[in-house]
Amino acid sequence: MGGGEKLDLIIKKGSVVLKDEVRVLDIGIKAGRIVQLGESLAADSAETTADADGLTVMAGMIDVHVHLNEPGLGDWEGFESGSAALAAGGCTTYIDMPLNGIPPTVTVPAMQLKLDAAKNRSHVDYALWGGLVPGKLHELEPLHEAGVVGYKAFMSSPGDPSEDAFREADDYTLLEGMKIIASLGKVLALHAESEPIVAKLGGAMRAEGRLTAADYAASRPIIAELEAINRALFYAEQTGCALHFVHISSGAGVKAIAAARVRGMDVTVETCPHYLTLTAADLGRKGAVAKCSPPLRDEPEREKLWTAIAAGDIDMVSSDHSPCPAPMKEADNFFDSWGGIAGAQSSVELVVGEGHVKRGIPLPLLSRLLSGAPAGRFGLDAAKGEIRIGADADLVLIDLNKRYILETEQLYQRHKHSPYIGETMHCKITATYLGGKQVYREGQGVSDCKRGRWVR
């Protein structure tokens, strides 16, 4: 900065979560970047200041697992409503999944339709996944050249029977796809559940008229997750493909992936806030609003995930925000209701509230889960993922001393259902900044300006 040139903004006196420590600092911002960090930056050196005294300042969340469903299914969730929920939840960058759009993002023309739908309509920054599906291996390299961050594949059926829907990858597609993805230097994200196991068990449950929430959970056991994880790891060892396992729900699943990493494999693992804060008992109590796959597990499994987080064996936490219109949650039996949790707005508050406020896990570790590791894994770390000089001023301000009960009218997503409604949040987001510009403030809501841009 030249002499006499003012900063755009100073955020003053916040407890700033850095890579390895928390310090009370002022953050000086110019042209969207963090340019100064100091204990007492002069207020008159900036055009404006924001008081963060008594608040915690973290890098904005990078949510690598979000379904915003455009083009084609904007009535489920669109870029405007979904990104507003993310902004209010302290997320400043998200990566949109390739399924649940019409068409799915498995070709470059489909990707362009999604980019057209997102342009000038997102409140925060975004990147895109491509898809690995049968019959489209030849599309992987063009998608790479077009700028996807990686590829998503299902090892069990995504559940949409329509002709052009996203399909699970058979073993041939998985193996050959991994060879191509390895050659491109990209990452393959996997929904790891064994289709032969879950299809057989689910069919048997239906045939016997066992259609409750508990029956659904029993039809997708941990062994189905483990089988798929180990099969994928075997293929990756043969091909050298980098893997990222999404929404892992079990301690055994995390252990299998951590052991592969010890063997030298390039593999990361995410879990989700719902596995860290809800259990199978909540599935029975709350109903289909808490239905997802893999399903919620019991309390001991939830504790195993927190133990793995504290040990550093889980790389990141993502929302897997998978919304739908409310009537799709109201089927005659539990198997037929839509499986997907709408939780984009609550991830940061749940992880920081449960992880730090209640359990005392250090904030730098939680910041790595929410921001640092996602940025590093998916090539966004040149500008994002932590609070440092030169990084984008993507920030979230949190009041660790403010508890509240989440109510329906506080949600920004299109359809106002969430398994977290009625739950106590043990901290409160007070503001979110994208590139130094306020995109959300408690009491004011989400800004009308849609500043989000595509991050290749």
Protein backbone atom coordinates (compact mmCIF):
# COMPACT_ATOMS: atom_id res chain seq x y z
CA MET A 1 0.00 0.00 0.00
CA GLY A 2 1.33 3.41 -0.97
CA GLY A 3 1.81 6.21 1.53
CA GLY A 4 -1.45 7.82 2.54
CA GLU A 5 -3.55 5.18 0.83
CA LYS A 6 -6.27 4.04 3.20
CA LEU A 7 -7.40 0.53 4.00
CA ASP A 8 -10.97 -0.30 3.00
CA LEU A 9 -11.83 -1.87 6.35
CA ILE A 10 -10.35 -2.76 9.70
CA ILE A 11 -12.06 -5.44 11.78
CA LYS A 12 -10.95 -4.53 15.28
CA LYS A 13 -10.17 -6.48 18.45
CA GLY A 14 -11.52 -9.88 17.49
CA SER A 15 -10.08 -13.14 18.81
CA VAL A 16 -8.59 -14.17 15.46
CA VAL A 17 -8.21 -17.89 14.72
CA LEU A 18 -4.89 -18.31 12.91
CA LYS A 19 -3.38 -21.52 11.59
CA ASP A 20 -1.91 -22.59 14.94
CA GLU A 21 -3.13 -20.10 17.54
CA VAL A 22 -5.84 -17.62 18.55
CA ARG A 23 -4.79 -13.98 19.11
CA VAL A 24 -6.63 -10.73 19.68
CA LEU A 25 -5.79 -8.80 16.51
CA ASP A 26 -7.01 -6.15 14.11
CA ILE A 27 -7.45 -7.26 10.50
CA GLY A 28 -6.68 -4.69 7.80
CA ILE A 29 -8.40 -5.28 4.47
CA LYS A 30 -7.74 -3.69 1.07
CA ALA A 31 -9.18 -4.65 -2.35
CA GLY A 32 -10.69 -7.84 -0.96
CA ARG A 33 -7.50 -9.16 0.64
CA ILE A 34 -6.05 -9.24 4.14
CA VAL A 35 -3.09 -6.86 4.01
CA GLN A 36 -2.37 -6.21 7.69
CA LEU A 37 -2.64 -8.10 10.97
CA GLY A 38 -1.73 -6.13 14.07
CA GLU A 39 -2.59 -5.58 17.70
CA SER A 40 -3.61 -1.96 17.25
CA LEU A 41 -4.13 -0.72 13.71
CA ALA A 42 -5.05 2.98 13.65
CA ALA A 43 -8.77 3.41 13.03
CA ASP A 44 -8.13 6.51 10.89
CA SER A 45 -6.03 4.40 8.49
CA ALA A 46 -9.21 2.81 7.08
CA GLU A 47 -12.32 4.06 5.33
CA THR A 48 -14.43 2.13 7.86
CA THR A 49 -14.06 -0.11 10.89
CA ALA A 50 -16.05 -2.98 12.36
CA ASP A 51 -15.94 -3.83 16.07
CA ALA A 52 -15.26 -7.49 16.82
CA ASP A 53 -14.43 -7.03 20.51
CA GLY A 54 -15.60 -10.13 22.37
CA LEU A 55 -16.13 -12.06 19.13
CA THR A 56 -14.18 -14.87 17.48
CA VAL A 57 -13.04 -14.33 13.88
CA MET A 58 -12.47 -17.40 11.71
CA ALA A 59 -11.80 -17.99 8.04
CA GLY A 60 -15.10 -18.44 6.23
CA MET A 61 -16.18 -22.06 5.82
CA ILE A 62 -15.43 -23.81 2.53
CA ASP A 63 -18.30 -26.28 2.14
CA VAL A 64 -17.19 -28.82 -0.44
CA HIS A 65 -20.46 -30.80 -0.49
CA VAL A 66 -23.54 -28.79 -1.46
CA HIS A 67 -26.51 -29.62 -3.75
CA LEU A 68 -28.10 -26.46 -5.16
CA ASN A 69 -30.01 -28.32 -7.91
CA GLU A 70 -29.91 -25.79 -10.73
CA PRO A 71 -30.45 -25.97 -13.63
CA GLY A 72 -33.78 -27.74 -13.77
CA LEU A 73 -34.66 -28.20 -10.11
CA GLY A 74 -34.50 -24.66 -8.79
CA ASP A 75 -37.84 -25.28 -7.10
CA TRP A 76 -35.91 -27.62 -4.76
CA GLU A 77 -33.09 -25.15 -4.12
CA GLY A 78 -31.35 -22.57 -6.28
CA PHE A 79 -28.16 -20.56 -6.23
CA GLU A 80 -29.82 -17.48 -4.71
CA SER A 81 -31.59 -19.16 -1.80
CA GLY A 82 -28.96 -21.81 -1.14
CA SER A 83 -26.07 -19.37 -1.16
CA ALA A 84 -28.02 -17.00 1.12
CA ALA A 85 -28.32 -19.82 3.67
CA LEU A 86 -24.61 -20.56 3.32
CA ALA A 87 -23.70 -16.88 3.79
CA ALA A 88 -25.84 -16.64 6.92
CA GLY A 89 -24.11 -19.79 8.13
CA GLY A 90 -20.59 -18.39 7.79
CA CYS A 91 -19.72 -20.18 4.54
CA THR A 92 -17.86 -18.06 1.98
CA THR A 93 -17.10 -20.69 -0.69
CA TYR A 94 -18.98 -23.84 -1.65
CA ILE A 95 -18.50 -26.61 -4.20
CA ASP A 96 -21.70 -27.64 -5.94
CA MET A 97 -22.33 -31.34 -6.55
CA PRO A 98 -23.06 -32.61 -10.10
CA LEU A 99 -26.29 -34.53 -9.46
CA ASN A 100 -29.85 -33.32 -8.76
CA GLY A 101 -29.67 -30.87 -11.65
CA ILE A 102 -31.28 -31.37 -15.04
CA PRO A 103 -29.00 -32.18 -16.77
CA PRO A 104 -26.41 -33.41 -14.25
CA THR A 105 -22.91 -31.95 -14.59
CA VAL A 106 -21.37 -34.84 -16.53
CA THR A 107 -20.59 -32.95 -19.77
CA VAL A 108 -19.15 -29.53 -20.55
CA PRO A 109 -22.45 -28.23 -22.04
CA ALA A 110 -24.23 -29.27 -18.82
CA MET A 111 -21.53 -27.55 -16.79
CA GLN A 112 -22.07 -24.38 -18.82
CA LEU A 113 -25.79 -24.47 -18.05
CA LYS A 114 -24.95 -24.63 -14.36
CA LEU A 115 -22.49 -21.74 -14.64
CA ASP A 116 -25.12 -19.71 -16.49
CA ALA A 117 -27.62 -20.42 -13.70
CA ALA A 118 -25.12 -19.34 -11.03
CA LYS A 119 -23.78 -16.18 -12.68
CA ASN A 120 -24.54 -13.02 -10.68
CA ARG A 121 -26.91 -15.00 -8.44
CA SER A 122 -24.65 -16.38 -5.69
CA HIS A 123 -24.03 -14.52 -2.44
CA VAL A 124 -20.68 -16.27 -1.92
CA ASP A 125 -17.96 -17.82 -4.10
CA TYR A 126 -18.42 -21.24 -5.68
CA ALA A 127 -16.69 -24.03 -7.57
CA LEU A 128 -18.14 -27.05 -9.36
CA TRP A 129 -17.76 -30.81 -9.22
CA GLY A 130 -18.00 -32.92 -12.36
CA GLY A 131 -19.51 -36.39 -12.34
CA LEU A 132 -18.15 -39.88 -13.05
CA VAL A 133 -21.01 -41.98 -14.47
CA PRO A 134 -21.27 -44.98 -16.82
CA GLY A 135 -20.92 -44.17 -20.51
CA LYS A 136 -19.26 -40.80 -19.98
CA LEU A 137 -15.60 -41.63 -19.41
CA HIS A 138 -14.72 -39.58 -22.49
CA GLU A 139 -16.18 -36.48 -20.81
CA LEU A 140 -13.75 -36.48 -17.87
CA GLU A 141 -10.86 -34.71 -19.63
CA PRO A 142 -13.05 -31.98 -21.21
CA LEU A 143 -14.58 -31.29 -17.77
CA HIS A 144 -11.06 -31.05 -16.33
CA GLU A 145 -10.10 -28.51 -18.98
CA ALA A 146 -13.33 -26.58 -18.32
CA GLY A 147 -12.40 -26.10 -14.66
CA VAL A 148 -14.10 -28.63 -12.37
CA VAL A 149 -12.33 -29.16 -9.03
CA GLY A 150 -12.77 -32.92 -9.17
CA TYR A 151 -15.32 -35.67 -9.84
CA LYS A 152 -18.08 -37.28 -7.80
CA ALA A 153 -19.20 -40.89 -8.13
CA PHE A 154 -21.77 -42.99 -6.33
CA MET A 155 -21.11 -46.60 -5.35
CA SER A 156 -24.80 -47.04 -4.50
CA SER A 157 -27.87 -45.85 -6.38
CA PRO A 158 -28.57 -42.10 -6.03
CA GLY A 159 -32.25 -43.05 -6.23
CA ASP A 160 -33.53 -41.16 -9.29
CA PRO A 161 -34.98 -43.66 -11.80
CA SER A 162 -35.37 -41.20 -14.70
CA GLU A 163 -33.50 -41.86 -17.94
CA ASP A 164 -31.00 -39.00 -17.82
CA ALA A 165 -30.39 -39.09 -14.07
CA PHE A 166 -27.00 -39.38 -12.38
CA ARG A 167 -26.14 -43.10 -12.15
CA GLU A 168 -23.96 -45.07 -9.77
CA ALA A 169 -20.61 -46.17 -11.15
CA ASP A 170 -20.23 -49.90 -11.83
CA ASP A 171 -16.84 -51.43 -11.09
CA TYR A 172 -15.59 -51.02 -14.67
CA THR A 173 -16.51 -47.31 -14.69
CA LEU A 174 -14.92 -46.85 -11.27
CA LEU A 175 -11.63 -48.52 -12.27
CA GLU A 176 -11.31 -46.89 -15.70
CA GLY A 177 -12.47 -43.55 -14.36
CA MET A 178 -9.81 -43.65 -11.67
CA LYS A 179 -7.12 -44.23 -14.30
CA ILE A 180 -8.23 -41.14 -16.23
CA ILE A 181 -8.70 -38.98 -13.13
CA ALA A 182 -5.23 -39.96 -11.89
CA SER A 183 -3.74 -38.90 -15.23
CA LEU A 184 -5.46 -35.52 -14.90
CA GLY A 185 -4.16 -34.96 -11.36
CA LYS A 186 -7.67 -34.57 -9.99
CA VAL A 187 -9.55 -36.03 -7.02
CA LEU A 188 -12.43 -38.53 -7.12
CA ALA A 189 -15.05 -38.01 -4.39
CA LEU A 190 -17.02 -41.12 -3.49
CA HIS A 191 -20.35 -41.89 -1.89
CA ALA A 192 -19.22 -45.16 -0.36
CA GLU A 193 -22.07 -47.61 0.24
CA SER A 194 -22.25 -51.09 -1.30
CA GLU A 195 -25.23 -51.18 -3.67
CA PRO A 196 -25.56 -55.01 -3.56
CA ILE A 197 -25.81 -54.91 0.24
CA VAL A 198 -28.15 -51.94 0.67
CA ALA A 199 -30.39 -52.91 -2.26
CA LYS A 200 -30.83 -56.46 -0.95
CA LEU A 201 -31.48 -55.38 2.63
CA GLY A 202 -33.79 -52.56 1.58
CA GLY A 203 -35.78 -54.89 -0.67
CA ALA A 204 -36.13 -57.43 2.12
CA MET A 205 -37.36 -54.77 4.54
CA ARG A 206 -40.00 -53.59 2.08
CA ALA A 207 -41.12 -57.15 1.34
CA GLU A 208 -41.59 -57.80 5.05
CA GLY A 209 -43.50 -54.55 5.56
CA ARG A 210 -40.76 -53.18 7.80
CA LEU A 211 -40.95 -49.54 6.80
CA THR A 212 -39.97 -47.49 9.87
CA ALA A 213 -37.03 -45.17 10.44
CA ALA A 214 -35.25 -47.91 12.40
CA ASP A 215 -35.79 -50.38 9.54
CA TYR A 216 -34.35 -47.88 7.05
CA ALA A 217 -31.26 -47.39 9.22
CA ALA A 218 -30.84 -51.16 9.57
CA SER A 219 -30.98 -51.55 5.78
CA ARG A 220 -27.83 -49.43 5.37
CA PRO A 221 -25.41 -50.90 7.96
CA ILE A 222 -21.84 -49.83 8.61
CA ILE A 223 -20.55 -52.94 6.81
CA ALA A 224 -21.99 -51.53 3.56
CA GLU A 225 -19.94 -48.36 4.05
CA LEU A 226 -16.82 -50.36 4.93
CA GLU A 227 -17.10 -52.69 1.94
CA ALA A 228 -17.35 -49.79 -0.48
CA ILE A 229 -14.47 -47.91 1.18
CA ASN A 230 -12.16 -50.91 0.95
CA ARG A 231 -13.12 -51.68 -2.67
CA ALA A 232 -12.46 -48.09 -3.69
CA LEU A 233 -9.14 -48.02 -1.84
CA PHE A 234 -8.09 -51.22 -3.65
CA TYR A 235 -8.85 -49.68 -7.05
CA ALA A 236 -7.07 -46.48 -6.09
CA GLU A 237 -3.97 -48.42 -5.08
CA GLN A 238 -3.90 -49.97 -8.55
CA THR A 239 -4.44 -46.69 -10.39
CA GLY A 240 -2.79 -44.03 -8.22
CA CYS A 241 -6.03 -42.04 -8.11
CA ALA A 242 -6.47 -39.49 -5.32
CA LEU A 243 -9.70 -40.13 -3.38
CA HIS A 244 -11.98 -38.10 -1.15
CA PHE A 245 -14.61 -40.01 0.82
CA VAL A 246 -17.74 -37.95 1.44
CA HIS A 247 -20.09 -38.09 4.47
CA ILE A 248 -18.39 -40.96 6.32
CA SER A 249 -20.62 -41.98 9.21
CA SER A 250 -18.66 -44.57 11.18
CA GLY A 251 -15.53 -44.82 13.26
CA ALA A 252 -14.51 -47.98 11.39
CA GLY A 253 -14.83 -46.14 8.07
CA VAL A 254 -12.55 -43.36 9.26
CA LYS A 255 -10.03 -45.92 10.58
CA ALA A 256 -9.87 -47.73 7.23
CA ILE A 257 -9.19 -44.48 5.40
CA ALA A 258 -6.63 -43.31 8.00
CA ALA A 259 -4.80 -46.64 7.66
CA ALA A 260 -4.66 -46.20 3.88
CA ARG A 261 -3.14 -42.76 4.37
CA VAL A 262 -0.49 -44.26 6.66
CA ARG A 263 0.32 -46.67 3.81
CA GLY A 264 1.05 -43.65 1.64
CA MET A 265 -2.23 -43.29 -0.24
CA ASP A 266 -3.52 -39.88 -1.32
CA VAL A 267 -6.90 -39.98 0.41
CA THR A 268 -9.02 -37.61 2.49
CA VAL A 269 -12.22 -38.02 4.46
CA GLU A 270 -15.12 -35.77 5.38
CA THR A 271 -17.95 -36.21 7.81
CA CYS A 272 -21.01 -34.01 8.28
CA PRO A 273 -22.56 -32.01 11.12
CA HIS A 274 -25.54 -34.38 11.27
CA TYR A 275 -23.32 -37.35 12.12
CA LEU A 276 -21.59 -35.24 14.79
CA THR A 277 -24.73 -33.88 16.47
CA LEU A 278 -27.61 -36.30 15.74
CA THR A 279 -28.12 -40.04 16.26
CA ALA A 280 -30.40 -42.85 15.12
CA ALA A 281 -32.65 -41.98 18.07
CA ASP A 282 -33.13 -38.53 16.55
CA LEU A 283 -34.04 -40.17 13.23
CA GLY A 284 -36.94 -41.92 14.93
CA ARG A 285 -37.95 -38.80 16.83
CA LYS A 286 -37.64 -36.22 14.04
CA GLY A 287 -38.68 -38.42 11.12
CA ALA A 288 -37.73 -38.05 7.47
CA VAL A 289 -36.40 -34.50 7.94
CA ALA A 290 -33.35 -36.30 9.40
CA LYS A 291 -33.18 -39.01 6.72
CA CYS A 292 -29.91 -39.31 4.81
CA SER A 293 -27.62 -42.00 3.45
CA PRO A 294 -25.59 -43.34 5.07
CA PRO A 295 -28.13 -43.03 7.89
CA LEU A 296 -27.57 -41.49 11.31
CA ARG A 297 -25.76 -43.91 13.62
CA ASP A 298 -26.00 -44.59 17.34
CA GLU A 299 -24.43 -42.52 20.11
CA PRO A 300 -21.19 -44.59 20.39
CA GLU A 301 -20.52 -44.02 16.67
CA ARG A 302 -21.06 -40.30 17.10
CA GLU A 303 -18.46 -40.28 19.87
CA LYS A 304 -16.01 -42.23 17.68
CA LEU A 305 -16.24 -39.48 15.07
CA TRP A 306 -15.43 -36.78 17.64
CA THR A 307 -12.50 -38.87 18.88
CA ALA A 308 -11.26 -39.13 15.29
CA ILE A 309 -11.59 -35.35 14.85
CA ALA A 310 -9.55 -34.69 17.99
CA ALA A 311 -6.92 -37.16 16.73
CA GLY A 312 -6.71 -35.46 13.33
CA ASP A 313 -8.02 -38.48 11.41
CA ILE A 314 -10.95 -36.60 9.82
CA ASP A 315 -9.88 -33.97 7.29
CA MET A 316 -12.97 -31.83 6.92
CA VAL A 317 -16.63 -31.31 7.77
CA SER A 318 -19.14 -30.50 5.01
CA SER A 319 -22.89 -29.94 5.13
CA ASP A 320 -24.08 -32.27 2.35
CA HIS A 321 -26.94 -29.77 2.05
CA SER A 322 -29.44 -31.83 0.06
CA PRO A 323 -32.81 -30.03 0.09
CA CYS A 324 -36.17 -30.89 -1.41
CA PRO A 325 -39.75 -29.59 -1.27
CA ALA A 326 -41.39 -30.51 2.04
CA PRO A 327 -44.01 -32.88 0.54
CA MET A 328 -41.17 -35.16 -0.61
CA LYS A 329 -40.44 -35.80 3.07
CA GLU A 330 -44.02 -36.95 3.68
CA ALA A 331 -44.21 -40.35 1.99
CA ASP A 332 -46.37 -43.23 3.28
CA ASN A 333 -43.28 -45.13 4.44
CA PHE A 334 -39.80 -44.10 5.47
CA PHE A 335 -38.09 -45.75 2.50
CA ASP A 336 -40.03 -43.64 -0.01
CA SER A 337 -39.34 -40.23 1.57
CA TRP A 338 -36.56 -38.12 0.08
CA GLY A 339 -33.19 -38.81 1.70
CA GLY A 340 -31.24 -35.62 2.22
CA ILE A 341 -30.60 -33.20 5.08
CA ALA A 342 -31.05 -29.47 4.53
CA GLY A 343 -28.46 -28.00 6.86
CA ALA A 344 -26.30 -25.49 4.95
CA GLN A 345 -26.94 -22.65 7.39
CA SER A 346 -26.00 -24.54 10.56
CA SER A 347 -22.64 -26.21 9.88
CA VAL A 348 -20.30 -23.66 11.47
CA GLU A 349 -22.48 -23.12 14.53
CA LEU A 350 -22.87 -26.87 15.07
CA VAL A 351 -19.17 -27.70 14.67
CA VAL A 352 -17.90 -24.77 16.74
CA GLY A 353 -20.69 -25.06 19.31
CA GLU A 354 -20.42 -28.79 19.84
CA GLY A 355 -16.69 -29.07 19.15
CA HIS A 356 -15.26 -26.04 20.94
CA VAL A 357 -17.87 -24.57 23.29
CA LYS A 358 -19.01 -27.94 24.66
CA ARG A 359 -15.96 -30.18 24.11
CA GLY A 360 -13.04 -27.76 24.21
CA ILE A 361 -11.48 -28.81 20.91
CA PRO A 362 -9.07 -26.03 19.87
CA LEU A 363 -10.42 -23.52 17.37
CA PRO A 364 -7.41 -23.79 14.99
CA LEU A 365 -8.17 -27.50 14.57
CA LEU A 366 -11.85 -26.80 13.86
CA SER A 367 -10.88 -24.03 11.43
CA ARG A 368 -8.74 -26.52 9.51
CA LEU A 369 -11.74 -28.87 9.33
CA LEU A 370 -14.07 -26.15 8.05
CA SER A 371 -11.69 -24.11 5.88
CA GLY A 372 -8.00 -24.96 5.71
CA ALA A 373 -8.17 -28.60 4.65
CA PRO A 374 -10.95 -28.08 2.07
CA ALA A 375 -8.94 -25.23 0.50
CA GLY A 376 -5.78 -27.32 0.37
CA ARG A 377 -7.42 -30.45 -0.99
CA PHE A 378 -9.28 -28.77 -3.83
CA GLY A 379 -6.71 -26.22 -5.00
CA LEU A 380 -8.19 -23.10 -3.39
CA ASP A 381 -5.45 -22.47 -0.82
CA ALA A 382 -3.59 -19.78 -2.76
CA ALA A 383 -6.25 -17.32 -1.61
CA LYS A 384 -8.59 -19.12 0.78
CA GLY A 385 -8.74 -21.35 3.83
CA GLU A 386 -7.05 -19.36 6.59
CA ILE A 387 -6.53 -15.88 7.99
CA ARG A 388 -3.13 -14.67 6.77
CA ILE A 389 -1.57 -11.74 4.92
CA GLY A 390 -2.46 -11.97 1.23
CA ALA A 391 -5.48 -14.24 1.65
CA ASP A 392 -8.99 -13.31 0.56
CA ALA A 393 -10.81 -11.48 3.37
CA ASP A 394 -13.41 -14.24 3.67
CA LEU A 395 -14.31 -14.13 7.34
CA VAL A 396 -16.97 -15.17 9.82
CA LEU A 397 -17.55 -13.47 13.19
CA ILE A 398 -18.92 -15.72 15.95
CA ASP A 399 -20.23 -14.98 19.44
CA LEU A 400 -19.15 -17.98 21.52
CA ASN A 401 -21.20 -16.76 24.49
CA LYS A 402 -24.54 -16.53 22.71
CA ARG A 403 -26.89 -19.52 22.75
CA TYR A 404 -30.16 -19.62 20.85
CA ILE A 405 -32.80 -22.06 19.62
CA LEU A 406 -33.01 -22.37 15.82
CA GLU A 407 -36.46 -21.46 14.51
CA THR A 408 -37.98 -21.99 11.08
CA GLU A 409 -38.24 -18.29 10.23
CA GLN A 410 -34.48 -17.85 10.70
CA LEU A 411 -33.68 -20.09 7.72
CA TYR A 412 -32.79 -18.63 4.30
CA GLN A 413 -33.00 -21.84 2.24
CA ARG A 414 -35.94 -22.24 -0.14
CA HIS A 415 -37.76 -24.93 1.87
CA LYS A 416 -37.73 -24.24 5.60
CA HIS A 417 -37.25 -27.72 6.98
CA SER A 418 -34.18 -28.83 8.90
CA PRO A 419 -33.49 -31.45 11.57
CA TYR A 420 -31.87 -28.69 13.62
CA ILE A 421 -35.06 -26.65 14.08
CA GLY A 422 -35.81 -26.58 17.81
CA GLU A 423 -32.23 -27.47 18.72
CA THR A 424 -30.06 -25.24 20.88
CA MET A 425 -27.11 -23.70 19.05
CA HIS A 426 -24.23 -23.07 21.44
CA CYS A 427 -22.78 -20.10 19.55
CA LYS A 428 -24.10 -17.49 17.11
CA ILE A 429 -22.74 -16.14 13.84
CA THR A 430 -22.94 -12.35 13.91
CA ALA A 431 -21.44 -11.47 10.51
CA THR A 432 -19.95 -12.95 7.34
CA TYR A 433 -17.56 -11.12 4.99
CA LEU A 434 -16.69 -12.13 1.42
CA GLY A 435 -13.62 -10.36 0.08
CA GLY A 436 -13.94 -7.81 2.85
CA LYS A 437 -17.56 -6.98 1.99
CA GLN A 438 -20.31 -7.76 4.46
CA VAL A 439 -22.67 -10.39 3.03
CA TYR A 440 -24.53 -11.18 6.26
CA ARG A 441 -25.04 -9.45 9.59
CA GLU A 442 -27.21 -10.52 12.49
CA GLY A 443 -30.26 -8.28 12.62
CA GLN A 444 -29.75 -7.04 9.05
CA GLY A 445 -29.85 -10.37 7.21
CA VAL A 446 -28.17 -11.32 3.94
CA SER A 447 -27.01 -8.50 1.66
CA ASP A 448 -28.90 -7.92 -1.60
CA CYS A 449 -25.58 -7.75 -3.45
CA LYS A 450 -24.62 -11.08 -4.99
CA ARG A 451 -20.83 -10.87 -4.99
CA GLY A 452 -20.06 -14.56 -5.39
CA ARG A 453 -17.81 -15.57 -8.27
CA TRP A 454 -16.82 -18.84 -9.87
CA VAL A 455 -13.47 -20.12 -8.56
CA ARG A 456 -11.87 -22.40 -11.13
